[in-house]
Amino acid sequence: MIDYRERALRLLLIFTASAAAVVFVSCASERIDLRTLVPAETIVYLETDNLGHILNLITENENFRKFSTSKPDFSALEGIQVAIAVID
Protein backbone atom coordinates (compact mmCIF):
# COMPACT_ATOMS: atom_id res chain seq x y z
CA MET A 1 0.00 0.00 0.00
CA ILE A 2 1.23 3.50 -0.88
CA ASP A 3 1.82 5.69 2.13
CA TYR A 4 0.70 9.31 2.28
CA ARG A 5 4.19 10.72 1.68
CA GLU A 6 4.56 8.90 -1.63
CA ARG A 7 1.04 9.90 -2.66
CA ALA A 8 1.71 13.56 -1.77
CA LEU A 9 5.03 13.47 -3.64
CA ARG A 10 3.36 12.00 -6.74
CA LEU A 11 0.61 14.63 -6.64
CA LEU A 12 3.22 17.37 -6.22
CA LEU A 13 5.21 16.06 -9.19
CA ILE A 14 2.10 15.82 -11.37
CA PHE A 15 1.04 19.34 -10.39
CA THR A 16 4.53 20.76 -11.03
CA ALA A 17 4.79 19.06 -14.42
CA SER A 18 1.32 20.30 -15.41
CA ALA A 19 2.09 23.86 -14.32
CA ALA A 20 5.38 23.82 -16.22
CA ALA A 21 3.62 22.58 -19.36
CA VAL A 22 0.98 25.32 -19.12
CA VAL A 23 3.63 28.02 -18.66
CA PHE A 24 5.71 26.66 -21.54
CA VAL A 25 2.75 26.54 -23.92
CA SER A 26 1.45 29.99 -22.99
CA CYS A 27 4.87 31.65 -23.25
CA ALA A 28 5.75 30.02 -26.55
CA SER A 29 3.11 31.79 -28.63
CA GLU A 30 3.87 32.93 -32.15
CA ARG A 31 3.96 36.57 -33.17
CA ILE A 32 0.76 37.77 -34.77
CA ASP A 33 0.26 40.58 -37.24
CA LEU A 34 -1.57 43.12 -35.08
CA ARG A 35 -2.56 45.17 -38.16
CA THR A 36 -5.07 42.47 -39.05
CA LEU A 37 -7.03 43.30 -35.87
CA VAL A 38 -7.40 47.04 -36.60
CA PRO A 39 -10.54 48.43 -38.30
CA ALA A 40 -10.26 50.06 -41.71
CA GLU A 41 -11.39 53.47 -40.40
CA THR A 42 -8.27 53.83 -38.20
CA ILE A 43 -6.77 57.34 -38.28
CA VAL A 44 -3.52 56.71 -36.36
CA TYR A 45 -1.84 53.36 -35.78
CA LEU A 46 1.28 52.73 -33.67
CA GLU A 47 2.83 49.29 -33.23
CA THR A 48 5.95 47.83 -31.64
CA ASP A 49 7.24 44.29 -31.32
CA ASN A 50 9.42 45.18 -28.31
CA LEU A 51 7.75 47.45 -25.75
CA GLY A 52 10.70 47.24 -23.35
CA HIS A 53 13.11 48.57 -25.98
CA ILE A 54 10.83 51.50 -26.87
CA LEU A 55 10.35 52.46 -23.21
CA ASN A 56 14.11 52.27 -22.63
CA LEU A 57 14.68 54.63 -25.56
CA ILE A 58 12.18 57.09 -24.09
CA THR A 59 13.68 56.98 -20.60
CA GLU A 60 17.23 57.41 -21.92
CA ASN A 61 16.21 60.72 -23.51
CA GLU A 62 17.82 63.84 -22.01
CA ASN A 63 14.44 65.51 -21.39
CA PHE A 64 13.10 62.50 -19.53
CA ARG A 65 16.20 62.28 -17.32
CA LYS A 66 15.89 65.98 -16.53
CA PHE A 67 12.48 65.48 -14.86
CA SER A 68 12.97 61.96 -13.48
CA THR A 69 14.66 60.89 -10.26
CA SER A 70 15.23 57.28 -11.35
CA LYS A 71 15.11 55.06 -14.43
CA PRO A 72 12.59 52.20 -14.28
CA ASP A 73 13.57 48.64 -15.21
CA PHE A 74 11.62 47.53 -18.28
CA SER A 75 13.32 44.15 -18.71
CA ALA A 76 10.01 42.33 -18.04
CA LEU A 77 8.51 44.04 -21.10
CA GLU A 78 11.18 42.88 -23.57
CA GLY A 79 9.59 41.21 -26.58
CA ILE A 80 6.02 42.30 -25.76
CA GLN A 81 3.92 43.32 -28.77
CA VAL A 82 1.69 46.39 -28.42
CA ALA A 83 -0.57 48.23 -30.87
CA ILE A 84 -2.46 51.47 -30.37
CA ALA A 85 -5.15 52.57 -32.81
CA VAL A 86 -7.10 55.83 -32.94
CA ILE A 87 -10.42 55.28 -34.68
CA ASP A 88 -12.71 57.91 -36.17
C-alpha atoms as a PDB file:
ATOM      1  CA  MET A   1       0.000   0.000   0.000  1.00  0.00           C
ATOM      2  CA  ILE A   2       1.230   3.501  -0.878  1.00  0.00           C
ATOM      3  CA  ASP A   3       1.820   5.693   2.133  1.00  0.00           C
ATOM      4  CA  TYR A   4       0.704   9.310   2.285  1.00  0.00           C
ATOM      5  CA  ARG A   5       4.188  10.720   1.677  1.00  0.00           C
ATOM      6  CA  GLU A   6       4.557   8.896  -1.628  1.00  0.00           C
ATOM      7  CA  ARG A   7       1.044   9.901  -2.663  1.00  0.00           C
ATOM      8  CA  ALA A   8       1.707  13.561  -1.765  1.00  0.00           C
ATOM      9  CA  LEU A   9       5.035  13.471  -3.643  1.00  0.00           C
ATOM     10  CA  ARG A  10       3.360  11.995  -6.741  1.00  0.00           C
ATOM     11  CA  LEU A  11       0.613  14.632  -6.637  1.00  0.00           C
ATOM     12  CA  LEU A  12       3.220  17.371  -6.223  1.00  0.00           C
ATOM     13  CA  LEU A  13       5.214  16.056  -9.191  1.00  0.00           C
ATOM     14  CA  ILE A  14       2.103  15.823 -11.372  1.00  0.00           C
ATOM     15  CA  PHE A  15       1.038  19.336 -10.386  1.00  0.00           C
ATOM     16  CA  THR A  16       4.531  20.757 -11.034  1.00  0.00           C
ATOM     17  CA  ALA A  17       4.792  19.058 -14.421  1.00  0.00           C
ATOM     18  CA  SER A  18       1.323  20.296 -15.406  1.00  0.00           C
ATOM     19  CA  ALA A  19       2.086  23.861 -14.317  1.00  0.00           C
ATOM     20  CA  ALA A  20       5.380  23.817 -16.219  1.00  0.00           C
ATOM     21  CA  ALA A  21       3.615  22.576 -19.355  1.00  0.00           C
ATOM     22  CA  VAL A  22       0.983  25.323 -19.118  1.00  0.00           C
ATOM     23  CA  VAL A  23       3.626  28.022 -18.662  1.00  0.00           C
ATOM     24  CA  PHE A  24       5.707  26.655 -21.540  1.00  0.00           C
ATOM     25  CA  VAL A  25       2.753  26.536 -23.918  1.00  0.00           C
ATOM     26  CA  SER A  26       1.451  29.987 -22.989  1.00  0.00           C
ATOM     27  CA  CYS A  27       4.867  31.652 -23.253  1.00  0.00           C
ATOM     28  CA  ALA A  28       5.747  30.024 -26.550  1.00  0.00           C
ATOM     29  CA  SER A  29       3.110  31.785 -28.633  1.00  0.00           C
ATOM     30  CA  GLU A  30       3.869  32.934 -32.154  1.00  0.00           C
ATOM     31  CA  ARG A  31       3.961  36.572 -33.172  1.00  0.00           C
ATOM     32  CA  ILE A  32       0.765  37.773 -34.766  1.00  0.00           C
ATOM     33  CA  ASP A  33       0.260  40.578 -37.237  1.00  0.00           C
ATOM     34  CA  LEU A  34      -1.565  43.123 -35.084  1.00  0.00           C
ATOM     35  CA  ARG A  35      -2.558  45.166 -38.158  1.00  0.00           C
ATOM     36  CA  THR A  36      -5.074  42.474 -39.051  1.00  0.00           C
ATOM     37  CA  LEU A  37      -7.028  43.302 -35.873  1.00  0.00           C
ATOM     38  CA  VAL A  38      -7.402  47.039 -36.600  1.00  0.00           C
ATOM     39  CA  PRO A  39     -10.542  48.431 -38.298  1.00  0.00           C
ATOM     40  CA  ALA A  40     -10.260  50.062 -41.711  1.00  0.00           C
ATOM     41  CA  GLU A  41     -11.385  53.473 -40.398  1.00  0.00           C
ATOM     42  CA  THR A  42      -8.274  53.834 -38.197  1.00  0.00           C
ATOM     43  CA  ILE A  43      -6.766  57.336 -38.284  1.00  0.00           C
ATOM     44  CA  VAL A  44      -3.525  56.713 -36.360  1.00  0.00           C
ATOM     45  CA  TYR A  45      -1.842  53.364 -35.782  1.00  0.00           C
ATOM     46  CA  LEU A  46       1.280  52.727 -33.673  1.00  0.00           C
ATOM     47  CA  GLU A  47       2.833  49.292 -33.234  1.00  0.00           C
ATOM     48  CA  THR A  48       5.945  47.828 -31.642  1.00  0.00           C
ATOM     49  CA  ASP A  49       7.244  44.294 -31.324  1.00  0.00           C
ATOM     50  CA  ASN A  50       9.425  45.182 -28.315  1.00  0.00           C
ATOM     51  CA  LEU A  51       7.746  47.446 -25.750  1.00  0.00           C
ATOM     52  CA  GLY A  52      10.702  47.238 -23.354  1.00  0.00           C
ATOM     53  CA  HIS A  53      13.107  48.573 -25.979  1.00  0.00           C
ATOM     54  CA  ILE A  54      10.832  51.503 -26.866  1.00  0.00           C
ATOM     55  CA  LEU A  55      10.347  52.462 -23.214  1.00  0.00           C
ATOM     56  CA  ASN A  56      14.115  52.266 -22.628  1.00  0.00           C
ATOM     57  CA  LEU A  57      14.680  54.633 -25.564  1.00  0.00           C
ATOM     58  CA  ILE A  58      12.178  57.091 -24.094  1.00  0.00           C
ATOM     59  CA  THR A  59      13.682  56.977 -20.595  1.00  0.00           C
ATOM     60  CA  GLU A  60      17.230  57.414 -21.925  1.00  0.00           C
ATOM     61  CA  ASN A  61      16.214  60.716 -23.513  1.00  0.00           C
ATOM     62  CA  GLU A  62      17.825  63.836 -22.012  1.00  0.00           C
ATOM     63  CA  ASN A  63      14.438  65.512 -21.394  1.00  0.00           C
ATOM     64  CA  PHE A  64      13.100  62.496 -19.526  1.00  0.00           C
ATOM     65  CA  ARG A  65      16.204  62.279 -17.323  1.00  0.00           C
ATOM     66  CA  LYS A  66      15.891  65.985 -16.534  1.00  0.00           C
ATOM     67  CA  PHE A  67      12.481  65.480 -14.861  1.00  0.00           C
ATOM     68  CA  SER A  68      12.970  61.964 -13.478  1.00  0.00           C
ATOM     69  CA  THR A  69      14.658  60.891 -10.261  1.00  0.00           C
ATOM     70  CA  SER A  70      15.234  57.279 -11.347  1.00  0.00           C
ATOM     71  CA  LYS A  71      15.111  55.064 -14.434  1.00  0.00           C
ATOM     72  CA  PRO A  72      12.593  52.197 -14.279  1.00  0.00           C
ATOM     73  CA  ASP A  73      13.570  48.637 -15.211  1.00  0.00           C
ATOM     74  CA  PHE A  74      11.617  47.534 -18.283  1.00  0.00           C
ATOM     75  CA  SER A  75      13.316  44.148 -18.710  1.00  0.00           C
ATOM     76  CA  ALA A  76      10.015  42.333 -18.035  1.00  0.00           C
ATOM     77  CA  LEU A  77       8.512  44.037 -21.100  1.00  0.00           C
ATOM     78  CA  GLU A  78      11.184  42.881 -23.568  1.00  0.00           C
ATOM     79  CA  GLY A  79       9.590  41.213 -26.578  1.00  0.00           C
ATOM     80  CA  ILE A  80       6.020  42.301 -25.758  1.00  0.00           C
ATOM     81  CA  GLN A  81       3.916  43.322 -28.765  1.00  0.00           C
ATOM     82  CA  VAL A  82       1.689  46.394 -28.420  1.00  0.00           C
ATOM     83  CA  ALA A  83      -0.566  48.227 -30.870  1.00  0.00           C
ATOM     84  CA  ILE A  84      -2.464  51.467 -30.370  1.00  0.00           C
ATOM     85  CA  ALA A  85      -5.154  52.570 -32.810  1.00  0.00           C
ATOM     86  CA  VAL A  86      -7.097  55.834 -32.940  1.00  0.00           C
ATOM     87  CA  ILE A  87     -10.416  55.284 -34.682  1.00  0.00           C
ATOM     88  CA  ASP A  88     -12.712  57.911 -36.170  1.00  0.00           C
END
